[in-house]
Every structure is written in structure tokens, then in C-alpha cells.
């Protein structure tokens, strides 16, 4: 038995990861798990001063990605369910 697909779209901010991941999920009829962006308290600050806030922004994303990937493993991978995400660590 082959493992279920886990498709992760990775790239820099604004590259179109969510757009591509959404298209793939729709095409293959797989669940889509998006990165949690709205909860990042550093996002607005990052766009105001990227040099000063990039580390804090990425550390917040890293911690959230780790938590989300644990849930993806539990809810999809371990159950042999396919999934598409718009991020990876």
C-alpha cells in the first residue's frame, strides 16, 4: 500500500503558495490546510520594517507550522488521508 499524498507548496511571502495549493486541492479533491496568517502579531510590523521584524515574524510562523504539522500528521498522514498545504517548515 502506498502512503497517501502530502502535497506541500513552499516559497516566499507573496509568491502564490495559497493560490497554487488551493488549485491543487480542488483539482485532486484533497483537503486543504492553510497556514495560519491572521494570528501573527508581527505581520503588520514586518511590512512596516522588514529588517527589524523579519526574525520575529518567521519564528511565529515556525512555531505555528510545527503545531499545525503535528495535527496534519495526526489527522491525515497517520490515517492515510491525502492533504495539501500552502506551507512547510
PDB file of N, CA and C in Angstrom:
ATOM      1  N   UNK A   1       0.841  -1.169   0.000  1.00  0.00           N
ATOM      2  CA  UNK A   1       0.000   0.000   0.000  1.00  0.00           C
ATOM      3  C   UNK A   1       0.895   1.244   0.000  1.00  0.00           C
ATOM      4  N   UNK A   2       0.586   2.185  -0.864  1.00  0.00           N
ATOM      5  CA  UNK A   2       1.332   3.419  -0.958  1.00  0.00           C
ATOM      6  C   UNK A   2       0.800   4.435   0.052  1.00  0.00           C
ATOM      7  N   UNK A   3       1.676   5.279   0.589  1.00  0.00           N
ATOM      8  CA  UNK A   3       1.183   6.323   1.508  1.00  0.00           C
ATOM      9  C   UNK A   3       0.332   7.342   0.753  1.00  0.00           C
ATOM     10  N   UNK A   4      -0.603   7.937   1.451  1.00  0.00           N
ATOM     11  CA  UNK A   4      -1.457   8.973   0.855  1.00  0.00           C
ATOM     12  C   UNK A   4      -0.613  10.204   0.557  1.00  0.00           C
ATOM     13  N   UNK A   5      -0.945  10.937  -0.497  1.00  0.00           N
ATOM     14  CA  UNK A   5      -0.161  12.128  -0.835  1.00  0.00           C
ATOM     15  C   UNK A   5      -0.239  13.213   0.231  1.00  0.00           C
ATOM     16  N   UNK A   6       0.903  13.821   0.490  1.00  0.00           N
ATOM     17  CA  UNK A   6       1.007  15.016   1.328  1.00  0.00           C
ATOM     18  C   UNK A   6       1.727  16.029   0.450  1.00  0.00           C
ATOM     19  N   UNK A   7       0.959  16.948  -0.106  1.00  0.00           N
ATOM     20  CA  UNK A   7       1.500  17.945  -1.019  1.00  0.00           C
ATOM     21  C   UNK A   7       1.671  19.256  -0.265  1.00  0.00           C
ATOM     22  N   UNK A   8       2.904  19.744  -0.188  1.00  0.00           N
ATOM     23  CA  UNK A   8       3.208  20.997   0.488  1.00  0.00           C
ATOM     24  C   UNK A   8       3.789  21.976  -0.522  1.00  0.00           C
ATOM     25  N   UNK A   9       3.176  23.152  -0.635  1.00  0.00           N
ATOM     26  CA  UNK A   9       3.662  24.205  -1.521  1.00  0.00           C
ATOM     27  C   UNK A   9       4.470  25.176  -0.667  1.00  0.00           C
ATOM     28  N   UNK A  10       5.722  25.390  -1.035  1.00  0.00           N
ATOM     29  CA  UNK A  10       6.620  26.224  -0.240  1.00  0.00           C
ATOM     30  C   UNK A  10       7.157  27.351  -1.104  1.00  0.00           C
ATOM     31  N   UNK A  11       7.436  28.492  -0.466  1.00  0.00           N
ATOM     32  CA  UNK A  11       8.009  29.630  -1.177  1.00  0.00           C
ATOM     33  C   UNK A  11       7.939  30.879  -0.330  1.00  0.00           C
ATOM     34  N   UNK A  12       8.476  31.993  -0.862  1.00  0.00           N
ATOM     35  CA  UNK A  12       8.496  33.240  -0.102  1.00  0.00           C
ATOM     36  C   UNK A  12       7.114  33.901  -0.014  1.00  0.00           C
ATOM     37  N   UNK A  13       6.999  34.872   0.870  1.00  0.00           N
ATOM     38  CA  UNK A  13       5.756  35.627   1.046  1.00  0.00           C
ATOM     39  C   UNK A  13       5.349  36.245  -0.284  1.00  0.00           C
ATOM     40  N   UNK A  14       4.080  36.080  -0.651  1.00  0.00           N
ATOM     41  CA  UNK A  14       3.536  36.701  -1.851  1.00  0.00           C
ATOM     42  C   UNK A  14       3.822  35.961  -3.143  1.00  0.00           C
ATOM     43  N   UNK A  15       4.373  34.745  -3.059  1.00  0.00           N
ATOM     44  CA  UNK A  15       4.732  34.003  -4.272  1.00  0.00           C
ATOM     45  C   UNK A  15       3.546  33.288  -4.909  1.00  0.00           C
ATOM     46  N   UNK A  16       2.427  33.171  -4.184  1.00  0.00           N
ATOM     47  CA  UNK A  16       1.259  32.474  -4.730  1.00  0.00           C
ATOM     48  C   UNK A  16       1.085  31.068  -4.201  1.00  0.00           C
ATOM     49  N   UNK A  17       1.670  30.774  -3.044  1.00  0.00           N
ATOM     50  CA  UNK A  17       1.571  29.440  -2.459  1.00  0.00           C
ATOM     51  C   UNK A  17       0.121  29.033  -2.199  1.00  0.00           C
ATOM     52  N   UNK A  18      -0.641  29.923  -1.593  1.00  0.00           N
ATOM     53  CA  UNK A  18      -2.028  29.600  -1.258  1.00  0.00           C
ATOM     54  C   UNK A  18      -2.858  29.406  -2.514  1.00  0.00           C
ATOM     55  N   UNK A  19      -2.628  30.230  -3.520  1.00  0.00           N
ATOM     56  CA  UNK A  19      -3.351  30.098  -4.784  1.00  0.00           C
ATOM     57  C   UNK A  19      -3.077  28.739  -5.416  1.00  0.00           C
ATOM     58  N   UNK A  20      -1.802  28.353  -5.499  1.00  0.00           N
ATOM     59  CA  UNK A  20      -1.447  27.063  -6.089  1.00  0.00           C
ATOM     60  C   UNK A  20      -1.973  25.911  -5.250  1.00  0.00           C
ATOM     61  N   UNK A  21      -1.823  25.984  -3.932  1.00  0.00           N
ATOM     62  CA  UNK A  21      -2.303  24.916  -3.057  1.00  0.00           C
ATOM     63  C   UNK A  21      -3.816  24.746  -3.185  1.00  0.00           C
ATOM     64  N   UNK A  22      -4.540  25.853  -3.292  1.00  0.00           N
ATOM     65  CA  UNK A  22      -5.996  25.803  -3.460  1.00  0.00           C
ATOM     66  C   UNK A  22      -6.360  25.128  -4.779  1.00  0.00           C
ATOM     67  N   UNK A  23      -5.640  25.468  -5.831  1.00  0.00           N
ATOM     68  CA  UNK A  23      -5.891  24.851  -7.142  1.00  0.00           C
ATOM     69  C   UNK A  23      -5.614  23.351  -7.108  1.00  0.00           C
ATOM     70  N   UNK A  24      -4.525  22.946  -6.466  1.00  0.00           N
ATOM     71  CA  UNK A  24      -4.187  21.524  -6.374  1.00  0.00           C
ATOM     72  C   UNK A  24      -5.233  20.761  -5.564  1.00  0.00           C
ATOM     73  N   UNK A  25      -5.628  21.323  -4.432  1.00  0.00           N
ATOM     74  CA  UNK A  25      -6.637  20.673  -3.590  1.00  0.00           C
ATOM     75  C   UNK A  25      -7.948  20.503  -4.353  1.00  0.00           C
ATOM     76  N   UNK A  26      -8.327  21.516  -5.099  1.00  0.00           N
ATOM     77  CA  UNK A  26      -9.562  21.440  -5.875  1.00  0.00           C
ATOM     78  C   UNK A  26      -9.443  20.406  -6.990  1.00  0.00           C
ATOM     79  N   UNK A  27      -8.321  20.433  -7.699  1.00  0.00           N
ATOM     80  CA  UNK A  27      -8.118  19.508  -8.820  1.00  0.00           C
ATOM     81  C   UNK A  27      -8.139  18.047  -8.367  1.00  0.00           C
ATOM     82  N   UNK A  28      -7.461  17.757  -7.263  1.00  0.00           N
ATOM     83  CA  UNK A  28      -7.376  16.384  -6.780  1.00  0.00           C
ATOM     84  C   UNK A  28      -8.448  16.030  -5.760  1.00  0.00           C
ATOM     85  N   UNK A  29      -9.245  17.026  -5.377  1.00  0.00           N
ATOM     86  CA  UNK A  29     -10.293  16.858  -4.371  1.00  0.00           C
ATOM     87  C   UNK A  29      -9.710  16.354  -3.045  1.00  0.00           C
ATOM     88  N   UNK A  30      -8.615  17.007  -2.640  1.00  0.00           N
ATOM     89  CA  UNK A  30      -7.958  16.723  -1.367  1.00  0.00           C
ATOM     90  C   UNK A  30      -8.282  17.860  -0.399  1.00  0.00           C
ATOM     91  N   UNK A  31      -8.282  17.581   0.905  1.00  0.00           N
ATOM     92  CA  UNK A  31      -8.445  18.658   1.884  1.00  0.00           C
ATOM     93  C   UNK A  31      -7.281  19.651   1.790  1.00  0.00           C
ATOM     94  N   UNK A  32      -7.566  20.916   2.073  1.00  0.00           N
ATOM     95  CA  UNK A  32      -6.558  21.971   2.066  1.00  0.00           C
ATOM     96  C   UNK A  32      -6.377  22.496   3.485  1.00  0.00           C
ATOM     97  N   UNK A  33      -5.142  22.539   3.950  1.00  0.00           N
ATOM     98  CA  UNK A  33      -4.807  23.125   5.250  1.00  0.00           C
ATOM     99  C   UNK A  33      -3.924  24.331   4.972  1.00  0.00           C
ATOM    100  N   UNK A  34      -4.450  25.516   5.303  1.00  0.00           N
ATOM    101  CA  UNK A  34      -3.707  26.754   5.064  1.00  0.00           C
ATOM    102  C   UNK A  34      -2.927  27.173   6.304  1.00  0.00           C
ATOM    103  N   UNK A  35      -1.824  27.854   6.036  1.00  0.00           N
ATOM    104  CA  UNK A  35      -1.039  28.404   7.135  1.00  0.00           C
ATOM    105  C   UNK A  35      -1.860  29.457   7.875  1.00  0.00           C
ATOM    106  N   UNK A  36      -1.714  29.483   9.189  1.00  0.00           N
ATOM    107  CA  UNK A  36      -2.408  30.478   9.996  1.00  0.00           C
ATOM    108  C   UNK A  36      -1.631  31.789   9.888  1.00  0.00           C
ATOM    109  N   UNK A  37      -2.204  32.756   9.199  1.00  0.00           N
ATOM    110  CA  UNK A  37      -1.522  34.024   8.958  1.00  0.00           C
ATOM    111  C   UNK A  37      -2.106  35.133   9.818  1.00  0.00           C
ATOM    112  N   UNK A  38      -3.421  35.169   9.938  1.00  0.00           N
ATOM    113  CA  UNK A  38      -4.106  36.270  10.612  1.00  0.00           C
ATOM    114  C   UNK A  38      -3.710  36.415  12.071  1.00  0.00           C
ATOM    115  N   UNK A  39      -3.286  35.340  12.702  1.00  0.00           N
ATOM    116  CA  UNK A  39      -2.945  35.373  14.124  1.00  0.00           C
ATOM    117  C   UNK A  39      -1.529  35.886  14.388  1.00  0.00           C
ATOM    118  N   UNK A  40      -0.746  36.103  13.333  1.00  0.00           N
ATOM    119  CA  UNK A  40       0.635  36.526  13.522  1.00  0.00           C
ATOM    120  C   UNK A  40       0.683  38.009  13.901  1.00  0.00           C
ATOM    121  N   UNK A  41       1.057  38.311  15.147  1.00  0.00           N
ATOM    122  CA  UNK A  41       1.053  39.710  15.604  1.00  0.00           C
ATOM    123  C   UNK A  41       2.181  40.551  14.995  1.00  0.00           C
ATOM    124  N   UNK A  42       3.095  39.918  14.283  1.00  0.00           N
ATOM    125  CA  UNK A  42       4.236  40.632  13.708  1.00  0.00           C
ATOM    126  C   UNK A  42       4.058  40.969  12.234  1.00  0.00           C
ATOM    127  N   UNK A  43       2.970  40.536  11.623  1.00  0.00           N
ATOM    128  CA  UNK A  43       2.796  40.707  10.181  1.00  0.00           C
ATOM    129  C   UNK A  43       2.747  42.179   9.773  1.00  0.00           C
ATOM    130  N   UNK A  44       1.928  42.968  10.432  1.00  0.00           N
ATOM    131  CA  UNK A  44       1.854  44.396  10.102  1.00  0.00           C
ATOM    132  C   UNK A  44       3.189  45.096  10.350  1.00  0.00           C
ATOM    133  N   UNK A  45       3.821  44.751  11.459  1.00  0.00           N
ATOM    134  CA  UNK A  45       5.114  45.352  11.787  1.00  0.00           C
ATOM    135  C   UNK A  45       6.163  44.969  10.746  1.00  0.00           C
ATOM    136  N   UNK A  46       6.093  43.718  10.264  1.00  0.00           N
ATOM    137  CA  UNK A  46       7.025  43.250   9.242  1.00  0.00           C
ATOM    138  C   UNK A  46       6.917  44.093   7.973  1.00  0.00           C
ATOM    139  N   UNK A  47       5.700  44.378   7.544  1.00  0.00           N
ATOM    140  CA  UNK A  47       5.533  45.170   6.322  1.00  0.00           C
ATOM    141  C   UNK A  47       5.935  46.635   6.523  1.00  0.00           C
ATOM    142  N   UNK A  48       5.929  47.102   7.757  1.00  0.00           N
ATOM    143  CA  UNK A  48       6.387  48.467   8.046  1.00  0.00           C
ATOM    144  C   UNK A  48       7.916  48.547   8.075  1.00  0.00           C
ATOM    145  N   UNK A  49       8.562  47.506   8.631  1.00  0.00           N
ATOM    146  CA  UNK A  49      10.022  47.497   8.737  1.00  0.00           C
ATOM    147  C   UNK A  49      10.500  46.049   8.666  1.00  0.00           C
ATOM    148  N   UNK A  50      10.722  45.561   7.445  1.00  0.00           N
ATOM    149  CA  UNK A  50      11.067  44.149   7.237  1.00  0.00           C
ATOM    150  C   UNK A  50      12.361  43.739   7.932  1.00  0.00           C
ATOM    151  N   UNK A  51      13.343  44.618   7.914  1.00  0.00           N
ATOM    152  CA  UNK A  51      14.629  44.280   8.514  1.00  0.00           C
ATOM    153  C   UNK A  51      14.506  44.070  10.022  1.00  0.00           C
ATOM    154  N   UNK A  52      13.725  44.895  10.669  1.00  0.00           N
ATOM    155  CA  UNK A  52      13.592  44.812  12.129  1.00  0.00           C
ATOM    156  C   UNK A  52      12.712  43.645  12.565  1.00  0.00           C
ATOM    157  N   UNK A  53      11.657  43.309  11.811  1.00  0.00           N
ATOM    158  CA  UNK A  53      10.657  42.360  12.284  1.00  0.00           C
ATOM    159  C   UNK A  53      10.668  40.998  11.582  1.00  0.00           C
ATOM    160  N   UNK A  54      11.563  40.766  10.637  1.00  0.00           N
ATOM    161  CA  UNK A  54      11.542  39.507   9.893  1.00  0.00           C
ATOM    162  C   UNK A  54      11.806  38.290  10.786  1.00  0.00           C
ATOM    163  N   UNK A  55      12.738  38.403  11.728  1.00  0.00           N
ATOM    164  CA  UNK A  55      13.030  37.263  12.601  1.00  0.00           C
ATOM    165  C   UNK A  55      11.826  36.888  13.453  1.00  0.00           C
ATOM    166  N   UNK A  56      11.198  37.879  14.080  1.00  0.00           N
ATOM    167  CA  UNK A  56      10.039  37.612  14.937  1.00  0.00           C
ATOM    168  C   UNK A  56       8.893  37.002  14.115  1.00  0.00           C
ATOM    169  N   UNK A  57       8.677  37.543  12.930  1.00  0.00           N
ATOM    170  CA  UNK A  57       7.619  37.033  12.048  1.00  0.00           C
ATOM    171  C   UNK A  57       7.861  35.569  11.727  1.00  0.00           C
ATOM    172  N   UNK A  58       9.079  35.252  11.310  1.00  0.00           N
ATOM    173  CA  UNK A  58       9.388  33.874  10.916  1.00  0.00           C
ATOM    174  C   UNK A  58       9.368  32.920  12.098  1.00  0.00           C
ATOM    175  N   UNK A  59       9.784  33.358  13.261  1.00  0.00           N
ATOM    176  CA  UNK A  59       9.731  32.480  14.440  1.00  0.00           C
ATOM    177  C   UNK A  59       8.291  32.162  14.821  1.00  0.00           C
ATOM    178  N   UNK A  60       7.413  33.153  14.710  1.00  0.00           N
ATOM    179  CA  UNK A  60       5.993  32.902  14.982  1.00  0.00           C
ATOM    180  C   UNK A  60       5.453  31.881  13.980  1.00  0.00           C
ATOM    181  N   UNK A  61       5.758  32.091  12.696  1.00  0.00           N
ATOM    182  CA  UNK A  61       5.314  31.143  11.667  1.00  0.00           C
ATOM    183  C   UNK A  61       5.880  29.750  11.921  1.00  0.00           C
ATOM    184  N   UNK A  62       7.148  29.667  12.291  1.00  0.00           N
ATOM    185  CA  UNK A  62       7.781  28.375  12.536  1.00  0.00           C
ATOM    186  C   UNK A  62       7.067  27.609  13.644  1.00  0.00           C
ATOM    187  N   UNK A  63       6.784  28.291  14.743  1.00  0.00           N
ATOM    188  CA  UNK A  63       6.091  27.637  15.866  1.00  0.00           C
ATOM    189  C   UNK A  63       4.699  27.166  15.467  1.00  0.00           C
ATOM    190  N   UNK A  64       3.967  28.008  14.742  1.00  0.00           N
ATOM    191  CA  UNK A  64       2.629  27.616  14.290  1.00  0.00           C
ATOM    192  C   UNK A  64       2.680  26.483  13.282  1.00  0.00           C
ATOM    193  N   UNK A  65       3.652  26.532  12.383  1.00  0.00           N
ATOM    194  CA  UNK A  65       3.796  25.459  11.386  1.00  0.00           C
ATOM    195  C   UNK A  65       4.059  24.135  12.079  1.00  0.00           C
ATOM    196  N   UNK A  66       4.925  24.154  13.072  1.00  0.00           N
ATOM    197  CA  UNK A  66       5.229  22.922  13.796  1.00  0.00           C
ATOM    198  C   UNK A  66       3.963  22.336  14.427  1.00  0.00           C
ATOM    199  N   UNK A  67       3.192  23.191  15.098  1.00  0.00           N
ATOM    200  CA  UNK A  67       1.944  22.729  15.726  1.00  0.00           C
ATOM    201  C   UNK A  67       0.974  22.199  14.676  1.00  0.00           C
ATOM    202  N   UNK A  68       0.831  22.938  13.571  1.00  0.00           N
ATOM    203  CA  UNK A  68      -0.090  22.503  12.522  1.00  0.00           C
ATOM    204  C   UNK A  68       0.367  21.189  11.890  1.00  0.00           C
ATOM    205  N   UNK A  69       1.677  21.034  11.688  1.00  0.00           N
ATOM    206  CA  UNK A  69       2.174  19.798  11.088  1.00  0.00           C
ATOM    207  C   UNK A  69       1.952  18.604  12.005  1.00  0.00           C
ATOM    208  N   UNK A  70       2.018  18.812  13.306  1.00  0.00           N
ATOM    209  CA  UNK A  70       1.681  17.729  14.233  1.00  0.00           C
ATOM    210  C   UNK A  70       0.222  17.303  14.048  1.00  0.00           C
ATOM    211  N   UNK A  71      -0.668  18.285  13.889  1.00  0.00           N
ATOM    212  CA  UNK A  71      -2.085  17.977  13.669  1.00  0.00           C
ATOM    213  C   UNK A  71      -2.309  17.318  12.311  1.00  0.00           C
ATOM    214  N   UNK A  72      -1.578  17.745  11.293  1.00  0.00           N
ATOM    215  CA  UNK A  72      -1.696  17.131   9.968  1.00  0.00           C
ATOM    216  C   UNK A  72      -1.255  15.674  10.040  1.00  0.00           C
ATOM    217  N   UNK A  73      -0.174  15.424  10.748  1.00  0.00           N
ATOM    218  CA  UNK A  73       0.286  14.043  10.908  1.00  0.00           C
ATOM    219  C   UNK A  73      -0.794  13.203  11.587  1.00  0.00           C
ATOM    220  N   UNK A  74      -1.359  13.743  12.650  1.00  0.00           N
ATOM    221  CA  UNK A  74      -2.384  13.026  13.412  1.00  0.00           C
ATOM    222  C   UNK A  74      -3.677  12.832  12.615  1.00  0.00           C
ATOM    223  N   UNK A  75      -4.134  13.887  11.941  1.00  0.00           N
ATOM    224  CA  UNK A  75      -5.448  13.865  11.287  1.00  0.00           C
ATOM    225  C   UNK A  75      -5.446  13.354   9.854  1.00  0.00           C
ATOM    226  N   UNK A  76      -4.293  13.371   9.183  1.00  0.00           N
ATOM    227  CA  UNK A  76      -4.250  12.958   7.779  1.00  0.00           C
ATOM    228  C   UNK A  76      -3.211  11.863   7.527  1.00  0.00           C
ATOM    229  N   UNK A  77      -1.960  12.157   7.805  1.00  0.00           N
ATOM    230  CA  UNK A  77      -0.879  11.228   7.457  1.00  0.00           C
ATOM    231  C   UNK A  77      -1.052   9.880   8.148  1.00  0.00           C
ATOM    232  N   UNK A  78      -1.250   9.873   9.447  1.00  0.00           N
ATOM    233  CA  UNK A  78      -1.405   8.615  10.180  1.00  0.00           C
ATOM    234  C   UNK A  78      -2.665   7.850   9.799  1.00  0.00           C
ATOM    235  N   UNK A  79      -3.633   8.538   9.238  1.00  0.00           N
ATOM    236  CA  UNK A  79      -4.891   7.907   8.804  1.00  0.00           C
ATOM    237  C   UNK A  79      -4.892   7.614   7.308  1.00  0.00           C
ATOM    238  N   UNK A  80      -3.726   7.787   6.675  1.00  0.00           N
ATOM    239  CA  UNK A  80      -3.597   7.549   5.233  1.00  0.00           C
ATOM    240  C   UNK A  80      -4.578   8.390   4.421  1.00  0.00           C
ATOM    241  N   UNK A  81      -4.767   9.651   4.849  1.00  0.00           N
ATOM    242  CA  UNK A  81      -5.634  10.597   4.150  1.00  0.00           C
ATOM    243  C   UNK A  81      -4.766  11.601   3.395  1.00  0.00           C
ATOM    244  N   UNK A  82      -5.096  11.905   2.131  1.00  0.00           N
ATOM    245  CA  UNK A  82      -4.311  12.920   1.401  1.00  0.00           C
ATOM    246  C   UNK A  82      -4.583  14.309   1.945  1.00  0.00           C
ATOM    247  N   UNK A  83      -3.626  15.209   1.720  1.00  0.00           N
ATOM    248  CA  UNK A  83      -3.787  16.579   2.184  1.00  0.00           C
ATOM    249  C   UNK A  83      -2.864  17.494   1.372  1.00  0.00           C
ATOM    250  N   UNK A  84      -3.292  18.754   1.204  1.00  0.00           N
ATOM    251  CA  UNK A  84      -2.488  19.774   0.555  1.00  0.00           C
ATOM    252  C   UNK A  84      -2.324  20.925   1.538  1.00  0.00           C
ATOM    253  N   UNK A  85      -1.096  21.462   1.645  1.00  0.00           N
ATOM    254  CA  UNK A  85      -0.853  22.626   2.490  1.00  0.00           C
ATOM    255  C   UNK A  85      -0.174  23.718   1.688  1.00  0.00           C
ATOM    256  N   UNK A  86      -0.313  24.957   2.155  1.00  0.00           N
ATOM    257  CA  UNK A  86       0.349  26.077   1.485  1.00  0.00           C
ATOM    258  C   UNK A  86       1.613  26.505   2.244  1.00  0.00           C
ATOM    259  N   UNK A  87       2.229  25.572   2.959  1.00  0.00           N
ATOM    260  CA  UNK A  87       3.455  25.840   3.713  1.00  0.00           C
ATOM    261  C   UNK A  87       4.106  24.538   4.105  1.00  0.00           C
ATOM    262  N   UNK A  88       5.336  24.631   4.559  1.00  0.00           N
ATOM    263  CA  UNK A  88       6.051  23.537   5.199  1.00  0.00           C
ATOM    264  C   UNK A  88       7.132  24.178   6.045  1.00  0.00           C
ATOM    265  N   UNK A  89       7.745  23.438   6.908  1.00  0.00           N
ATOM    266  CA  UNK A  89       8.785  24.001   7.767  1.00  0.00           C
ATOM    267  C   UNK A  89      10.036  24.239   6.932  1.00  0.00           C
TER     268      UNK A  89
END
